[in-house]
Amino acid sequence: MVNQILKIKKMKKLIATLILVSLFSFGFANEAYEKAMGLSIETSFQSKTISEYVEVANQFERISQIEKAEWLPLYYATFAYIMISFQEPDNAKKDTYLDQAQKYLDQAKAIAPNESELYMLQGFLYPSRINVDPMNRGMLYMGELNKSLDKALELNPDNPRVYYLRATMTFHMPEAYGGGAAKALPLFLTAEEKFKIFKPKTAISPNWGKEMNDAEFKNAREALK
């Protein structure tokens, strides 16, 4: 069974590589672009290790070098590096990964300055910055985090990932600072409702977070028992 899974993963990786090679050789057609993105997105959400995330981030960067007018490859490259930062125990390395994430995110914002998902992703990046040095960075980045999420909601009030992130931040914040499970529950509920009605713009548009919200919502409810 394990060998079968490994073979399937290797086959998917080979297919993705062949598609990218053909795209660099002959250029992107819209269908080919979406195919390459779809395979890379699938790989991204199956990734578990730092090296796997780095590899898929490099795939998205290569796609972005061809499709210079598209913000989505840069979005997913940013996402991969943020996920790496959650796994990296070395704070110095964590900041290096986050610097790389910010570079891609800034490039994406230059392409799509009014995209809600990019401001949400900026808000998703800041907690890792804070975790490197909570005492000194908390005040510095919390204000920026809230501004990013406010902007994301201004651009799309129905973006469920914004409510999920706000709920999670509130849940894990000390009650003395306005956090805790009781304060987070209404936000988790709103996120749950938004996820139920959310429809991504395309097959490769951001469509993650529901399972994360479900798990954290459950944790918050159990914390109040």
C-alpha atoms as a PDB file:
ATOM      1  CA  MET A   1       0.000   0.000   0.000  1.00  0.00           C
ATOM      2  CA  VAL A   2       2.791   2.417   0.947  1.00  0.00           C
ATOM      3  CA  ASN A   3       4.673   1.559  -2.239  1.00  0.00           C
ATOM      4  CA  GLN A   4       1.538   2.253  -4.297  1.00  0.00           C
ATOM      5  CA  ILE A   5       1.105   5.675  -2.697  1.00  0.00           C
ATOM      6  CA  LEU A   6       4.756   6.513  -3.348  1.00  0.00           C
ATOM      7  CA  LYS A   7       4.422   5.423  -6.973  1.00  0.00           C
ATOM      8  CA  ILE A   8       1.324   7.612  -7.417  1.00  0.00           C
ATOM      9  CA  LYS A   9       3.125  10.613  -5.894  1.00  0.00           C
ATOM     10  CA  LYS A  10       6.147  10.039  -8.158  1.00  0.00           C
ATOM     11  CA  MET A  11       3.882   9.757 -11.194  1.00  0.00           C
ATOM     12  CA  LYS A  12       2.071  13.008 -10.355  1.00  0.00           C
ATOM     13  CA  LYS A  13       5.410  14.732  -9.852  1.00  0.00           C
ATOM     14  CA  LEU A  14       6.650  13.427 -13.207  1.00  0.00           C
ATOM     15  CA  ILE A  15       3.492  14.589 -14.995  1.00  0.00           C
ATOM     16  CA  ALA A  16       3.776  18.054 -13.418  1.00  0.00           C
ATOM     17  CA  THR A  17       7.432  18.254 -14.459  1.00  0.00           C
ATOM     18  CA  LEU A  18       6.671  17.218 -18.039  1.00  0.00           C
ATOM     19  CA  ILE A  19       3.894  19.791 -18.300  1.00  0.00           C
ATOM     20  CA  LEU A  20       6.188  22.540 -17.015  1.00  0.00           C
ATOM     21  CA  VAL A  21       8.925  21.505 -19.457  1.00  0.00           C
ATOM     22  CA  SER A  22       6.468  21.647 -22.353  1.00  0.00           C
ATOM     23  CA  LEU A  23       5.200  25.031 -21.220  1.00  0.00           C
ATOM     24  CA  PHE A  24       8.694  26.482 -21.115  1.00  0.00           C
ATOM     25  CA  SER A  25       9.382  25.003 -24.544  1.00  0.00           C
ATOM     26  CA  PHE A  26       6.203  26.063 -26.310  1.00  0.00           C
ATOM     27  CA  GLY A  27       4.602  28.715 -24.060  1.00  0.00           C
ATOM     28  CA  PHE A  28       1.334  28.696 -22.177  1.00  0.00           C
ATOM     29  CA  ALA A  29      -2.094  28.231 -23.578  1.00  0.00           C
ATOM     30  CA  ASN A  30      -4.833  28.999 -21.080  1.00  0.00           C
ATOM     31  CA  GLU A  31      -5.756  25.332 -20.704  1.00  0.00           C
ATOM     32  CA  ALA A  32      -2.123  24.345 -20.184  1.00  0.00           C
ATOM     33  CA  TYR A  33      -1.659  27.092 -17.599  1.00  0.00           C
ATOM     34  CA  GLU A  34      -4.654  25.915 -15.588  1.00  0.00           C
ATOM     35  CA  LYS A  35      -3.483  22.291 -15.867  1.00  0.00           C
ATOM     36  CA  ALA A  36      -0.009  23.157 -14.577  1.00  0.00           C
ATOM     37  CA  MET A  37      -1.476  25.262 -11.792  1.00  0.00           C
ATOM     38  CA  GLY A  38      -3.969  22.583 -10.819  1.00  0.00           C
ATOM     39  CA  LEU A  39      -1.276  19.926 -10.505  1.00  0.00           C
ATOM     40  CA  SER A  40       0.987  22.254  -8.521  1.00  0.00           C
ATOM     41  CA  ILE A  41      -1.857  23.278  -6.203  1.00  0.00           C
ATOM     42  CA  GLU A  42      -2.682  19.625  -5.568  1.00  0.00           C
ATOM     43  CA  THR A  43       0.982  18.954  -4.774  1.00  0.00           C
ATOM     44  CA  SER A  44       1.091  21.964  -2.471  1.00  0.00           C
ATOM     45  CA  PHE A  45      -1.797  20.766  -0.325  1.00  0.00           C
ATOM     46  CA  GLN A  46      -0.308  17.274  -0.173  1.00  0.00           C
ATOM     47  CA  SER A  47       3.085  18.594   0.953  1.00  0.00           C
ATOM     48  CA  LYS A  48       4.227  17.767   4.464  1.00  0.00           C
ATOM     49  CA  THR A  49       7.932  18.584   4.673  1.00  0.00           C
ATOM     50  CA  ILE A  50       9.917  21.779   4.209  1.00  0.00           C
ATOM     51  CA  SER A  51      11.700  20.366   1.161  1.00  0.00           C
ATOM     52  CA  GLU A  52       8.371  19.449  -0.466  1.00  0.00           C
ATOM     53  CA  TYR A  53       7.016  22.955   0.086  1.00  0.00           C
ATOM     54  CA  VAL A  54      10.196  24.527  -1.299  1.00  0.00           C
ATOM     55  CA  GLU A  55       9.968  22.350  -4.402  1.00  0.00           C
ATOM     56  CA  VAL A  56       6.348  23.268  -5.090  1.00  0.00           C
ATOM     57  CA  ALA A  57       7.053  26.960  -4.396  1.00  0.00           C
ATOM     58  CA  ASN A  58       9.748  26.769  -7.068  1.00  0.00           C
ATOM     59  CA  GLN A  59       7.199  25.277  -9.466  1.00  0.00           C
ATOM     60  CA  PHE A  60       4.869  28.225  -8.896  1.00  0.00           C
ATOM     61  CA  GLU A  61       7.744  30.668  -9.356  1.00  0.00           C
ATOM     62  CA  ARG A  62       8.617  29.076 -12.705  1.00  0.00           C
ATOM     63  CA  ILE A  63       4.986  29.390 -13.812  1.00  0.00           C
ATOM     64  CA  SER A  64       4.941  33.043 -12.716  1.00  0.00           C
ATOM     65  CA  GLN A  65       8.003  33.736 -14.879  1.00  0.00           C
ATOM     66  CA  ILE A  66       5.972  32.690 -17.924  1.00  0.00           C
ATOM     67  CA  GLU A  67       2.595  34.125 -16.879  1.00  0.00           C
ATOM     68  CA  LYS A  68       3.805  37.525 -15.717  1.00  0.00           C
ATOM     69  CA  ALA A  69       0.308  39.018 -15.631  1.00  0.00           C
ATOM     70  CA  GLU A  70      -1.098  36.319 -13.304  1.00  0.00           C
ATOM     71  CA  TRP A  71      -1.095  36.784  -9.534  1.00  0.00           C
ATOM     72  CA  LEU A  72      -2.144  33.255  -8.585  1.00  0.00           C
ATOM     73  CA  PRO A  73       1.256  31.539  -9.070  1.00  0.00           C
ATOM     74  CA  LEU A  74       2.812  34.123  -6.759  1.00  0.00           C
ATOM     75  CA  TYR A  75      -0.054  33.712  -4.290  1.00  0.00           C
ATOM     76  CA  TYR A  76       0.565  29.973  -3.998  1.00  0.00           C
ATOM     77  CA  ALA A  77       4.344  30.420  -3.811  1.00  0.00           C
ATOM     78  CA  THR A  78       3.735  32.795  -0.897  1.00  0.00           C
ATOM     79  CA  PHE A  79       1.392  30.310   0.737  1.00  0.00           C
ATOM     80  CA  ALA A  80       4.011  27.543   0.482  1.00  0.00           C
ATOM     81  CA  TYR A  81       6.646  29.647   2.219  1.00  0.00           C
ATOM     82  CA  ILE A  82       4.239  30.647   4.981  1.00  0.00           C
ATOM     83  CA  MET A  83       3.497  26.967   5.566  1.00  0.00           C
ATOM     84  CA  ILE A  84       7.249  26.315   5.754  1.00  0.00           C
ATOM     85  CA  SER A  85       7.563  28.979   8.443  1.00  0.00           C
ATOM     86  CA  PHE A  86       5.060  27.124  10.635  1.00  0.00           C
ATOM     87  CA  GLN A  87       7.292  24.035  10.495  1.00  0.00           C
ATOM     88  CA  GLU A  88      10.742  25.612  10.759  1.00  0.00           C
ATOM     89  CA  PRO A  89      12.029  25.560  14.386  1.00  0.00           C
ATOM     90  CA  ASP A  90      14.973  27.906  13.741  1.00  0.00           C
ATOM     91  CA  ASN A  91      13.748  31.509  14.073  1.00  0.00           C
ATOM     92  CA  ALA A  92      16.501  32.924  11.878  1.00  0.00           C
ATOM     93  CA  LYS A  93      15.572  30.526   9.086  1.00  0.00           C
ATOM     94  CA  LYS A  94      11.881  31.214   9.709  1.00  0.00           C
ATOM     95  CA  ASP A  95      12.424  34.911   9.003  1.00  0.00           C
ATOM     96  CA  THR A  96      14.348  34.047   5.833  1.00  0.00           C
ATOM     97  CA  TYR A  97      11.426  31.973   4.571  1.00  0.00           C
ATOM     98  CA  LEU A  98       8.988  34.745   5.463  1.00  0.00           C
ATOM     99  CA  ASP A  99      11.127  37.282   3.616  1.00  0.00           C
ATOM    100  CA  GLN A 100      10.813  35.082   0.539  1.00  0.00           C
ATOM    101  CA  ALA A 101       7.047  34.828   1.071  1.00  0.00           C
ATOM    102  CA  GLN A 102       6.784  38.616   1.365  1.00  0.00           C
ATOM    103  CA  LYS A 103       8.760  39.070  -1.852  1.00  0.00           C
ATOM    104  CA  TYR A 104       6.324  36.925  -3.809  1.00  0.00           C
ATOM    105  CA  LEU A 105       3.336  38.557  -2.113  1.00  0.00           C
ATOM    106  CA  ASP A 106       4.550  42.060  -2.982  1.00  0.00           C
ATOM    107  CA  GLN A 107       4.907  40.986  -6.613  1.00  0.00           C
ATOM    108  CA  ALA A 108       1.372  39.580  -6.571  1.00  0.00           C
ATOM    109  CA  LYS A 109      -0.021  42.805  -5.080  1.00  0.00           C
ATOM    110  CA  ALA A 110       1.635  44.798  -7.846  1.00  0.00           C
ATOM    111  CA  ILE A 111      -0.303  42.690 -10.360  1.00  0.00           C
ATOM    112  CA  ALA A 112      -3.635  42.672  -8.480  1.00  0.00           C
ATOM    113  CA  PRO A 113      -3.669  45.536  -5.943  1.00  0.00           C
ATOM    114  CA  ASN A 114      -7.384  45.129  -5.218  1.00  0.00           C
ATOM    115  CA  GLU A 115      -7.477  41.374  -4.636  1.00  0.00           C
ATOM    116  CA  SER A 116      -8.994  40.406  -1.268  1.00  0.00           C
ATOM    117  CA  GLU A 117      -7.149  37.080  -1.153  1.00  0.00           C
ATOM    118  CA  LEU A 118      -3.769  38.809  -1.219  1.00  0.00           C
ATOM    119  CA  TYR A 119      -4.580  40.979   1.786  1.00  0.00           C
ATOM    120  CA  MET A 120      -5.915  37.922   3.576  1.00  0.00           C
ATOM    121  CA  LEU A 121      -2.628  36.138   2.798  1.00  0.00           C
ATOM    122  CA  GLN A 122      -0.711  39.118   4.164  1.00  0.00           C
ATOM    123  CA  GLY A 123      -2.670  38.713   7.377  1.00  0.00           C
ATOM    124  CA  PHE A 124      -1.825  35.009   7.326  1.00  0.00           C
ATOM    125  CA  LEU A 125       1.885  35.847   7.110  1.00  0.00           C
ATOM    126  CA  TYR A 126       2.059  38.164  10.128  1.00  0.00           C
ATOM    127  CA  PRO A 127       1.409  35.549  12.884  1.00  0.00           C
ATOM    128  CA  SER A 128       4.603  33.739  11.880  1.00  0.00           C
ATOM    129  CA  ARG A 129       6.499  37.012  12.145  1.00  0.00           C
ATOM    130  CA  ILE A 130       5.049  37.495  15.606  1.00  0.00           C
ATOM    131  CA  ASN A 131       5.906  33.952  16.715  1.00  0.00           C
ATOM    132  CA  VAL A 132       9.603  34.565  16.080  1.00  0.00           C
ATOM    133  CA  ASP A 133       9.648  37.083  18.956  1.00  0.00           C
ATOM    134  CA  PRO A 134       6.174  37.589  20.496  1.00  0.00           C
ATOM    135  CA  MET A 135       7.242  40.074  23.169  1.00  0.00           C
ATOM    136  CA  ASN A 136       8.888  42.490  20.756  1.00  0.00           C
ATOM    137  CA  ARG A 137       6.877  41.848  17.620  1.00  0.00           C
ATOM    138  CA  GLY A 138       3.352  41.526  18.962  1.00  0.00           C
ATOM    139  CA  MET A 139       2.593  45.228  19.050  1.00  0.00           C
ATOM    140  CA  LEU A 140       4.515  45.834  15.827  1.00  0.00           C
ATOM    141  CA  TYR A 141       2.609  43.358  13.676  1.00  0.00           C
ATOM    142  CA  MET A 142      -0.840  43.048  15.272  1.00  0.00           C
ATOM    143  CA  GLY A 143      -1.879  46.435  13.975  1.00  0.00           C
ATOM    144  CA  GLU A 144      -0.634  45.570  10.482  1.00  0.00           C
ATOM    145  CA  LEU A 145      -2.397  42.198  10.644  1.00  0.00           C
ATOM    146  CA  ASN A 146      -5.723  43.828  11.487  1.00  0.00           C
ATOM    147  CA  LYS A 147      -5.294  46.440   8.758  1.00  0.00           C
ATOM    148  CA  SER A 148      -4.653  43.701   6.203  1.00  0.00           C
ATOM    149  CA  LEU A 149      -7.744  41.744   7.236  1.00  0.00           C
ATOM    150  CA  ASP A 150      -9.884  44.901   7.281  1.00  0.00           C
ATOM    151  CA  LYS A 151      -8.760  45.632   3.717  1.00  0.00           C
ATOM    152  CA  ALA A 152      -9.463  42.030   2.664  1.00  0.00           C
ATOM    153  CA  LEU A 153     -13.027  42.327   3.994  1.00  0.00           C
ATOM    154  CA  GLU A 154     -13.501  45.725   2.397  1.00  0.00           C
ATOM    155  CA  LEU A 155     -12.630  44.172  -0.970  1.00  0.00           C
ATOM    156  CA  ASN A 156     -14.714  41.038  -0.374  1.00  0.00           C
ATOM    157  CA  PRO A 157     -16.986  40.886   2.706  1.00  0.00           C
ATOM    158  CA  ASP A 158     -17.735  37.217   1.950  1.00  0.00           C
ATOM    159  CA  ASN A 159     -14.136  35.971   2.019  1.00  0.00           C
ATOM    160  CA  PRO A 160     -14.374  33.076   4.518  1.00  0.00           C
ATOM    161  CA  ARG A 161     -10.617  32.837   5.084  1.00  0.00           C
ATOM    162  CA  VAL A 162     -10.587  36.271   6.675  1.00  0.00           C
ATOM    163  CA  TYR A 163     -13.155  35.221   9.285  1.00  0.00           C
ATOM    164  CA  TYR A 164     -11.279  31.958   9.870  1.00  0.00           C
ATOM    165  CA  LEU A 165      -8.012  33.781  10.506  1.00  0.00           C
ATOM    166  CA  ARG A 166      -9.658  36.348  12.796  1.00  0.00           C
ATOM    167  CA  ALA A 167     -11.354  33.548  14.731  1.00  0.00           C
ATOM    168  CA  THR A 168      -8.130  31.594  15.111  1.00  0.00           C
ATOM    169  CA  MET A 169      -6.156  34.627  16.255  1.00  0.00           C
ATOM    170  CA  THR A 170      -8.862  35.483  18.783  1.00  0.00           C
ATOM    171  CA  PHE A 171      -9.072  31.900  20.059  1.00  0.00           C
ATOM    172  CA  HIS A 172      -5.348  31.708  20.768  1.00  0.00           C
ATOM    173  CA  MET A 173      -5.073  35.212  22.203  1.00  0.00           C
ATOM    174  CA  PRO A 174      -5.102  35.530  26.035  1.00  0.00           C
ATOM    175  CA  GLU A 175      -8.463  36.542  27.481  1.00  0.00           C
ATOM    176  CA  ALA A 176      -6.789  39.533  29.133  1.00  0.00           C
ATOM    177  CA  TYR A 177      -6.180  40.911  25.640  1.00  0.00           C
ATOM    178  CA  GLY A 178      -9.694  40.259  24.377  1.00  0.00           C
ATOM    179  CA  GLY A 179      -9.186  36.705  23.196  1.00  0.00           C
ATOM    180  CA  GLY A 180     -10.335  33.266  24.253  1.00  0.00           C
ATOM    181  CA  ALA A 181     -12.773  30.630  23.091  1.00  0.00           C
ATOM    182  CA  ALA A 182     -15.939  32.542  23.991  1.00  0.00           C
ATOM    183  CA  LYS A 183     -14.934  35.543  21.897  1.00  0.00           C
ATOM    184  CA  ALA A 184     -13.789  33.340  19.025  1.00  0.00           C
ATOM    185  CA  LEU A 185     -16.920  31.188  18.686  1.00  0.00           C
ATOM    186  CA  PRO A 186     -19.057  33.772  16.842  1.00  0.00           C
ATOM    187  CA  LEU A 187     -16.197  34.354  14.399  1.00  0.00           C
ATOM    188  CA  PHE A 188     -15.790  30.630  13.763  1.00  0.00           C
ATOM    189  CA  LEU A 189     -19.534  30.386  13.195  1.00  0.00           C
ATOM    190  CA  THR A 190     -19.468  33.252  10.701  1.00  0.00           C
ATOM    191  CA  ALA A 191     -16.521  31.630   8.913  1.00  0.00           C
ATOM    192  CA  GLU A 192     -18.422  28.342   8.765  1.00  0.00           C
ATOM    193  CA  GLU A 193     -21.422  30.091   7.203  1.00  0.00           C
ATOM    194  CA  LYS A 194     -19.227  31.925   4.702  1.00  0.00           C
ATOM    195  CA  PHE A 195     -17.478  28.699   3.686  1.00  0.00           C
ATOM    196  CA  LYS A 196     -20.862  27.077   2.985  1.00  0.00           C
ATOM    197  CA  ILE A 197     -21.776  29.685   0.386  1.00  0.00           C
ATOM    198  CA  PHE A 198     -18.300  30.443  -0.959  1.00  0.00           C
ATOM    199  CA  LYS A 199     -17.652  29.692  -4.615  1.00  0.00           C
ATOM    200  CA  PRO A 200     -14.128  30.201  -6.018  1.00  0.00           C
ATOM    201  CA  LYS A 201     -13.921  32.326  -9.158  1.00  0.00           C
ATOM    202  CA  THR A 202     -12.074  29.603 -11.076  1.00  0.00           C
ATOM    203  CA  ALA A 203     -10.900  26.036 -10.542  1.00  0.00           C
ATOM    204  CA  ILE A 204      -7.473  27.336  -9.452  1.00  0.00           C
ATOM    205  CA  SER A 205      -8.645  30.236  -7.277  1.00  0.00           C
ATOM    206  CA  PRO A 206      -8.037  30.044  -3.495  1.00  0.00           C
ATOM    207  CA  ASN A 207     -10.452  27.570  -1.946  1.00  0.00           C
ATOM    208  CA  TRP A 208      -8.782  26.396   1.268  1.00  0.00           C
ATOM    209  CA  GLY A 209      -9.469  26.802   4.976  1.00  0.00           C
ATOM    210  CA  LYS A 210     -12.784  25.026   5.571  1.00  0.00           C
ATOM    211  CA  GLU A 211     -11.221  21.960   7.200  1.00  0.00           C
ATOM    212  CA  MET A 212      -8.948  24.182   9.290  1.00  0.00           C
ATOM    213  CA  ASN A 213     -11.911  26.226  10.455  1.00  0.00           C
ATOM    214  CA  ASP A 214     -13.904  23.085  11.299  1.00  0.00           C
ATOM    215  CA  ALA A 215     -11.042  21.742  13.438  1.00  0.00           C
ATOM    216  CA  GLU A 216     -10.417  24.996  15.299  1.00  0.00           C
ATOM    217  CA  PHE A 217     -14.159  25.589  15.770  1.00  0.00           C
ATOM    218  CA  LYS A 218     -14.396  22.170  17.400  1.00  0.00           C
ATOM    219  CA  ASN A 219     -11.415  22.948  19.652  1.00  0.00           C
ATOM    220  CA  ALA A 220     -12.978  26.245  20.727  1.00  0.00           C
ATOM    221  CA  ARG A 221     -16.287  24.575  21.601  1.00  0.00           C
ATOM    222  CA  GLU A 222     -14.501  21.880  23.614  1.00  0.00           C
ATOM    223  CA  ALA A 223     -12.475  24.521  25.465  1.00  0.00           C
ATOM    224  CA  LEU A 224     -15.706  25.948  26.892  1.00  0.00           C
ATOM    225  CA  LYS A 225     -17.017  22.633  28.250  1.00  0.00           C
END
